[in-house]
C-alpha atoms as a PDB file:
ATOM      1  CA  MET A   1      13.987  58.550  42.617  1.00  0.00           C
ATOM      2  CA  GLU A   2      15.740  55.192  42.370  1.00  0.00           C
ATOM      3  CA  SER A   3      18.828  56.678  44.003  1.00  0.00           C
ATOM      4  CA  ALA A   4      16.838  57.997  46.980  1.00  0.00           C
ATOM      5  CA  ILE A   5      14.964  54.726  47.445  1.00  0.00           C
ATOM      6  CA  GLY A   6      18.195  52.745  47.151  1.00  0.00           C
ATOM      7  CA  LYS A   7      19.934  54.906  49.733  1.00  0.00           C
ATOM      8  CA  ARG A   8      16.964  54.648  52.074  1.00  0.00           C
ATOM      9  CA  ALA A   9      16.941  50.843  51.795  1.00  0.00           C
ATOM     10  CA  ALA A  10      20.700  50.709  52.356  1.00  0.00           C
ATOM     11  CA  GLY A  11      20.538  52.949  55.429  1.00  0.00           C
ATOM     12  CA  VAL A  12      22.785  55.665  53.980  1.00  0.00           C
ATOM     13  CA  PRO A  13      22.898  58.519  56.547  1.00  0.00           C
ATOM     14  CA  SER A  14      22.345  61.406  54.148  1.00  0.00           C
ATOM     15  CA  TYR A  15      20.635  62.495  50.954  1.00  0.00           C
ATOM     16  CA  SER A  16      21.290  65.104  48.324  1.00  0.00           C
ATOM     17  CA  VAL A  17      18.659  67.826  47.991  1.00  0.00           C
ATOM     18  CA  PRO A  18      17.143  66.224  44.868  1.00  0.00           C
ATOM     19  CA  GLU A  19      16.904  62.854  46.644  1.00  0.00           C
ATOM     20  CA  ALA A  20      15.391  64.362  49.808  1.00  0.00           C
ATOM     21  CA  ALA A  21      12.894  66.357  47.751  1.00  0.00           C
ATOM     22  CA  VAL A  22      11.738  63.143  46.060  1.00  0.00           C
ATOM     23  CA  LEU A  23      11.273  61.410  49.412  1.00  0.00           C
ATOM     24  CA  LEU A  24       9.307  64.385  50.764  1.00  0.00           C
ATOM     25  CA  SER A  25       7.276  64.772  47.551  1.00  0.00           C
ATOM     26  CA  ILE A  26       8.230  68.434  47.160  1.00  0.00           C
ATOM     27  CA  SER A  27      10.226  70.320  44.558  1.00  0.00           C
ATOM     28  CA  GLN A  28      13.963  70.771  44.857  1.00  0.00           C
ATOM     29  CA  GLU A  29      13.495  74.531  44.679  1.00  0.00           C
ATOM     30  CA  TYR A  30      11.090  74.507  47.611  1.00  0.00           C
ATOM     31  CA  LEU A  31      13.460  72.372  49.704  1.00  0.00           C
ATOM     32  CA  TYR A  32      16.319  74.771  48.921  1.00  0.00           C
ATOM     33  CA  ARG A  33      14.132  77.673  50.099  1.00  0.00           C
ATOM     34  CA  LEU A  34      13.265  75.827  53.311  1.00  0.00           C
ATOM     35  CA  ILE A  35      16.930  75.094  53.999  1.00  0.00           C
ATOM     36  CA  GLN A  36      18.055  78.655  53.291  1.00  0.00           C
ATOM     37  CA  SER A  37      15.371  80.073  55.598  1.00  0.00           C
ATOM     38  CA  ASP A  38      16.307  77.633  58.410  1.00  0.00           C
ATOM     39  CA  GLY A  39      13.065  75.755  57.802  1.00  0.00           C
ATOM     40  CA  PHE A  40      14.709  72.358  57.325  1.00  0.00           C
ATOM     41  CA  PRO A  41      17.942  70.860  58.721  1.00  0.00           C
ATOM     42  CA  ALA A  42      20.869  70.460  56.357  1.00  0.00           C
ATOM     43  CA  VAL A  43      24.645  70.447  56.292  1.00  0.00           C
ATOM     44  CA  ARG A  44      26.363  72.937  53.970  1.00  0.00           C
ATOM     45  CA  MET A  45      29.453  71.367  52.460  1.00  0.00           C
ATOM     46  CA  ARG A  46      31.877  73.933  51.095  1.00  0.00           C
ATOM     47  CA  ALA A  47      35.422  75.151  51.280  1.00  0.00           C
ATOM     48  CA  GLY A  48      35.872  78.789  52.205  1.00  0.00           C
ATOM     49  CA  ALA A  49      33.310  81.293  51.023  1.00  0.00           C
ATOM     50  CA  GLY A  50      32.688  79.580  47.698  1.00  0.00           C
ATOM     51  CA  GLN A  51      29.514  77.886  46.636  1.00  0.00           C
ATOM     52  CA  GLY A  52      28.815  74.552  48.165  1.00  0.00           C
ATOM     53  CA  ARG A  53      26.325  71.772  48.373  1.00  0.00           C
ATOM     54  CA  TYR A  54      23.712  70.859  50.937  1.00  0.00           C
ATOM     55  CA  VAL A  55      23.439  67.393  52.421  1.00  0.00           C
ATOM     56  CA  ILE A  56      20.254  66.329  54.220  1.00  0.00           C
ATOM     57  CA  PRO A  57      20.511  64.032  57.252  1.00  0.00           C
ATOM     58  CA  ALA A  58      18.352  60.951  56.643  1.00  0.00           C
ATOM     59  CA  ARG A  59      17.280  61.086  60.303  1.00  0.00           C
ATOM     60  CA  ALA A  60      15.766  64.536  59.729  1.00  0.00           C
ATOM     61  CA  ILE A  61      13.418  63.202  57.067  1.00  0.00           C
ATOM     62  CA  GLU A  62      12.480  60.103  59.046  1.00  0.00           C
ATOM     63  CA  GLN A  63      11.884  62.040  62.268  1.00  0.00           C
ATOM     64  CA  LEU A  64       9.837  64.742  60.546  1.00  0.00           C
ATOM     65  CA  LEU A  65       7.567  62.178  58.936  1.00  0.00           C
ATOM     66  CA  ASP A  66       7.343  60.176  62.182  1.00  0.00           C
ATOM     67  CA  ALA A  67       6.420  63.341  64.104  1.00  0.00           C
ATOM     68  CA  ALA A  68       3.545  64.045  61.719  1.00  0.00           C
ATOM     69  CA  ALA A  69       2.343  60.440  61.853  1.00  0.00           C
ATOM     70  CA  ASP A  70       2.586  60.311  65.660  1.00  0.00           C
ATOM     71  CA  ALA A  71       0.842  63.675  66.102  1.00  0.00           C
ATOM     72  CA  GLY A  72      -1.902  62.780  63.669  1.00  0.00           C
ATOM     73  CA  THR A  73      -1.916  66.394  62.539  1.00  0.00           C
ATOM     74  CA  THR A  74       0.150  68.946  60.664  1.00  0.00           C
ATOM     75  CA  VAL A  75       3.749  69.415  61.773  1.00  0.00           C
ATOM     76  CA  GLU A  76       5.498  72.636  60.781  1.00  0.00           C
ATOM     77  CA  SER A  77       8.931  71.972  59.312  1.00  0.00           C
ATOM     78  CA  ALA A  78      10.309  75.199  60.826  1.00  0.00           C
ATOM     79  CA  ASP A  79       9.135  74.173  64.317  1.00  0.00           C
ATOM     80  CA  PHE A  80      10.570  70.709  63.780  1.00  0.00           C
ATOM     81  CA  THR A  81      13.874  72.230  62.671  1.00  0.00           C
ATOM     82  CA  ALA A  82      14.054  74.478  65.746  1.00  0.00           C
ATOM     83  CA  GLN A  83      13.442  71.460  67.999  1.00  0.00           C
ATOM     84  CA  TRP A  84      15.992  69.424  66.018  1.00  0.00           C
ATOM     85  CA  ARG A  85      18.540  72.194  66.491  1.00  0.00           C
ATOM     86  CA  GLN A  86      17.961  72.239  70.256  1.00  0.00           C
ATOM     87  CA  ARG A  87      18.218  68.456  70.569  1.00  0.00           C
ATOM     88  CA  THR A  88      21.404  68.203  68.547  1.00  0.00           C
ATOM     89  CA  SER A  89      23.116  71.139  70.269  1.00  0.00           C
ATOM     90  CA  GLY A  90      22.334  69.853  73.737  1.00  0.00           C
ATOM     91  CA  GLY A  91      19.813  72.629  74.385  1.00  0.00           C
ATOM     92  CA  ALA A  92      22.212  75.490  73.668  1.00  0.00           C
ATOM     93  CA  ALA A  93      20.686  78.300  71.645  1.00  0.00           C
END
């Protein structure tokens, strides 16, 4: 938790899955499932076909939480991720 809070305060642009899970108050396992089902944005860091590691953009967490606060209602992470994907790809599907 201290690592995630420290990175957030320092403006670091990404989090590990454990750090992001702490900031979102969910389990690491659940965040991994969301990522693997395209329900949350992440970057997969790996060489070749071997196992890798996911990195979570800090902006994704901030924007998801802002969207929920601004809407004043429930925001679906999968819908947010689809919109994120469209924004970051310039609208290309």
